[in-house]
């Protein structure tokens, strides 16, 4: 498993480069609106939208890491 950071406006080029087996986004995204979903599905990859977990926040995690 990996989390990849990117500096572009969307992860589309990164997705095309790394060709992930699984692409996951938070529950506020419909699969048809996930950038790169069509590409990942075109070669048999899986695209999922998973529900948020209360009490967990990417922003809070990044803030905590920056304090280290």
N, C-alpha and C. Protein backbone atom coordinates (compact mmCIF):
# COMPACT_ATOMS: atom_id res chain seq x y z
N UNK A 1 0.83 -1.17 0.00
CA UNK A 1 0.00 0.00 0.00
C UNK A 1 0.88 1.24 0.00
N UNK A 2 0.37 2.32 -0.61
CA UNK A 2 1.14 3.56 -0.65
C UNK A 2 0.19 4.74 -0.77
N UNK A 3 0.61 5.83 -0.22
CA UNK A 3 -0.04 7.12 -0.42
C UNK A 3 0.95 7.96 -1.20
N UNK A 4 0.52 8.51 -2.32
CA UNK A 4 1.41 9.29 -3.17
C UNK A 4 0.99 10.75 -3.16
N UNK A 5 1.95 11.62 -2.97
CA UNK A 5 1.70 13.06 -3.04
C UNK A 5 2.00 13.54 -4.45
N UNK A 6 1.31 14.57 -4.88
CA UNK A 6 1.53 15.12 -6.21
C UNK A 6 1.31 16.62 -6.16
N UNK A 7 1.95 17.33 -7.08
CA UNK A 7 1.84 18.79 -7.08
C UNK A 7 0.94 19.33 -8.17
N UNK A 8 0.46 18.49 -9.06
CA UNK A 8 -0.43 18.92 -10.12
C UNK A 8 -1.83 19.18 -9.55
N UNK A 9 -2.69 19.78 -10.36
CA UNK A 9 -4.06 20.06 -9.92
C UNK A 9 -4.86 18.78 -9.69
N UNK A 10 -4.57 17.74 -10.48
CA UNK A 10 -5.24 16.45 -10.32
C UNK A 10 -4.18 15.35 -10.35
N UNK A 11 -4.51 14.16 -9.85
CA UNK A 11 -3.55 13.06 -9.86
C UNK A 11 -3.56 12.25 -11.16
N UNK A 12 -4.19 12.76 -12.21
CA UNK A 12 -4.38 11.97 -13.43
C UNK A 12 -3.07 11.43 -14.01
N UNK A 13 -2.07 12.27 -14.18
CA UNK A 13 -0.80 11.81 -14.75
C UNK A 13 -0.10 10.81 -13.83
N UNK A 14 -0.16 11.04 -12.53
CA UNK A 14 0.43 10.10 -11.57
C UNK A 14 -0.26 8.75 -11.68
N UNK A 15 -1.57 8.75 -11.76
CA UNK A 15 -2.33 7.50 -11.88
C UNK A 15 -1.93 6.76 -13.15
N UNK A 16 -1.77 7.48 -14.24
CA UNK A 16 -1.37 6.84 -15.50
C UNK A 16 0.05 6.29 -15.42
N UNK A 17 0.90 6.94 -14.66
CA UNK A 17 2.28 6.49 -14.53
C UNK A 17 2.40 5.26 -13.64
N UNK A 18 1.74 5.27 -12.50
CA UNK A 18 1.92 4.16 -11.55
C UNK A 18 0.94 3.01 -11.74
N UNK A 19 -0.14 3.24 -12.50
CA UNK A 19 -1.13 2.20 -12.79
C UNK A 19 -1.52 1.40 -11.54
N UNK A 20 -2.17 2.05 -10.58
CA UNK A 20 -2.51 1.35 -9.34
C UNK A 20 -3.54 0.24 -9.56
N UNK A 21 -3.45 -0.80 -8.73
CA UNK A 21 -4.46 -1.86 -8.75
C UNK A 21 -5.74 -1.38 -8.09
N UNK A 22 -5.59 -0.46 -7.12
CA UNK A 22 -6.72 0.06 -6.36
C UNK A 22 -6.60 1.57 -6.26
N UNK A 23 -7.69 2.27 -6.50
CA UNK A 23 -7.77 3.73 -6.36
C UNK A 23 -8.91 4.02 -5.40
N UNK A 24 -8.62 4.74 -4.32
CA UNK A 24 -9.61 4.98 -3.27
C UNK A 24 -9.72 6.47 -2.99
N UNK A 25 -10.95 6.94 -2.84
CA UNK A 25 -11.22 8.32 -2.44
C UNK A 25 -12.23 8.31 -1.30
N UNK A 26 -12.32 9.45 -0.62
CA UNK A 26 -13.27 9.59 0.49
C UNK A 26 -14.70 9.54 0.02
N UNK A 27 -15.60 9.30 0.96
CA UNK A 27 -17.00 9.10 0.68
C UNK A 27 -17.74 10.26 0.07
N UNK A 28 -17.11 11.44 -0.01
CA UNK A 28 -17.79 12.57 -0.63
C UNK A 28 -17.66 12.53 -2.16
N UNK A 29 -17.01 11.51 -2.70
CA UNK A 29 -16.85 11.35 -4.14
C UNK A 29 -17.69 10.19 -4.64
N UNK A 30 -18.38 10.39 -5.76
CA UNK A 30 -19.02 9.29 -6.48
C UNK A 30 -17.95 8.70 -7.38
N UNK A 31 -17.96 7.40 -7.58
CA UNK A 31 -16.93 6.75 -8.39
C UNK A 31 -16.82 7.38 -9.77
N UNK A 32 -17.94 7.74 -10.36
CA UNK A 32 -17.89 8.33 -11.71
C UNK A 32 -17.23 9.71 -11.73
N UNK A 33 -17.05 10.33 -10.57
CA UNK A 33 -16.40 11.64 -10.49
C UNK A 33 -14.95 11.57 -10.03
N UNK A 34 -14.44 10.39 -9.77
CA UNK A 34 -13.06 10.24 -9.30
C UNK A 34 -12.12 10.33 -10.49
N UNK A 35 -11.19 11.28 -10.43
CA UNK A 35 -10.21 11.45 -11.50
C UNK A 35 -9.39 10.16 -11.64
N UNK A 36 -9.32 9.66 -12.86
CA UNK A 36 -8.54 8.46 -13.14
C UNK A 36 -9.32 7.16 -13.02
N UNK A 37 -10.57 7.24 -12.57
CA UNK A 37 -11.36 6.02 -12.37
C UNK A 37 -11.52 5.23 -13.66
N UNK A 38 -11.87 5.91 -14.74
CA UNK A 38 -12.05 5.21 -16.02
C UNK A 38 -10.77 4.50 -16.44
N UNK A 39 -9.64 5.18 -16.27
CA UNK A 39 -8.35 4.59 -16.66
C UNK A 39 -8.06 3.35 -15.82
N UNK A 40 -8.20 3.45 -14.51
CA UNK A 40 -7.92 2.31 -13.62
C UNK A 40 -8.83 1.14 -13.95
N UNK A 41 -10.10 1.41 -14.15
CA UNK A 41 -11.04 0.36 -14.48
C UNK A 41 -10.78 -0.26 -15.85
N UNK A 42 -10.16 0.51 -16.76
CA UNK A 42 -9.91 0.01 -18.12
C UNK A 42 -8.96 -1.17 -18.15
N UNK A 43 -8.09 -1.30 -17.15
CA UNK A 43 -7.17 -2.45 -17.13
C UNK A 43 -7.49 -3.41 -15.98
N UNK A 44 -8.71 -3.31 -15.45
CA UNK A 44 -9.15 -4.26 -14.44
C UNK A 44 -8.91 -3.84 -13.01
N UNK A 45 -8.43 -2.59 -12.80
CA UNK A 45 -8.22 -2.09 -11.45
C UNK A 45 -9.55 -1.80 -10.76
N UNK A 46 -9.48 -1.62 -9.46
CA UNK A 46 -10.67 -1.37 -8.65
C UNK A 46 -10.69 0.08 -8.18
N UNK A 47 -11.83 0.71 -8.27
CA UNK A 47 -12.01 2.08 -7.78
C UNK A 47 -13.08 2.04 -6.71
N UNK A 48 -12.78 2.63 -5.55
CA UNK A 48 -13.73 2.63 -4.44
C UNK A 48 -13.84 4.01 -3.81
N UNK A 49 -15.03 4.28 -3.31
CA UNK A 49 -15.29 5.46 -2.51
C UNK A 49 -15.67 4.94 -1.13
N UNK A 50 -14.87 5.28 -0.13
CA UNK A 50 -15.12 4.72 1.20
C UNK A 50 -15.65 5.80 2.14
N UNK A 51 -16.46 5.41 3.11
CA UNK A 51 -17.04 6.39 4.02
C UNK A 51 -15.99 7.00 4.95
N UNK A 52 -16.27 8.20 5.38
CA UNK A 52 -15.39 8.86 6.34
C UNK A 52 -15.50 8.16 7.69
N UNK A 53 -14.41 8.23 8.44
CA UNK A 53 -14.40 7.68 9.80
C UNK A 53 -14.35 8.86 10.75
N UNK A 54 -15.36 9.01 11.56
CA UNK A 54 -15.43 10.14 12.47
C UNK A 54 -14.22 10.16 13.40
N UNK A 55 -13.65 11.33 13.57
CA UNK A 55 -12.49 11.48 14.44
C UNK A 55 -11.16 11.38 13.72
N UNK A 56 -11.18 11.02 12.44
CA UNK A 56 -9.95 10.94 11.65
C UNK A 56 -9.99 12.02 10.58
N UNK A 57 -8.88 12.73 10.45
CA UNK A 57 -8.82 13.84 9.51
C UNK A 57 -7.43 13.90 8.88
N UNK A 58 -7.37 13.91 7.56
CA UNK A 58 -6.09 14.04 6.87
C UNK A 58 -5.40 15.33 7.27
N UNK A 59 -6.16 16.41 7.34
CA UNK A 59 -5.58 17.70 7.71
C UNK A 59 -4.99 17.65 9.11
N UNK A 60 -5.69 17.04 10.06
CA UNK A 60 -5.18 16.92 11.43
C UNK A 60 -3.92 16.05 11.48
N UNK A 61 -3.90 14.99 10.68
CA UNK A 61 -2.71 14.13 10.63
C UNK A 61 -1.51 14.89 10.09
N UNK A 62 -1.70 15.63 9.02
CA UNK A 62 -0.61 16.42 8.45
C UNK A 62 -0.12 17.47 9.44
N UNK A 63 -1.03 18.12 10.12
CA UNK A 63 -0.67 19.12 11.13
C UNK A 63 0.17 18.49 12.24
N UNK A 64 -0.23 17.32 12.69
CA UNK A 64 0.52 16.61 13.74
C UNK A 64 1.92 16.25 13.28
N UNK A 65 2.04 15.79 12.04
CA UNK A 65 3.35 15.41 11.50
C UNK A 65 4.25 16.63 11.40
N UNK A 66 3.71 17.76 10.98
CA UNK A 66 4.50 18.98 10.84
C UNK A 66 5.04 19.48 12.18
N UNK A 67 4.36 19.12 13.27
CA UNK A 67 4.80 19.55 14.60
C UNK A 67 5.97 18.73 15.11
N UNK A 68 6.25 17.60 14.49
CA UNK A 68 7.34 16.73 14.95
C UNK A 68 8.70 17.35 14.72
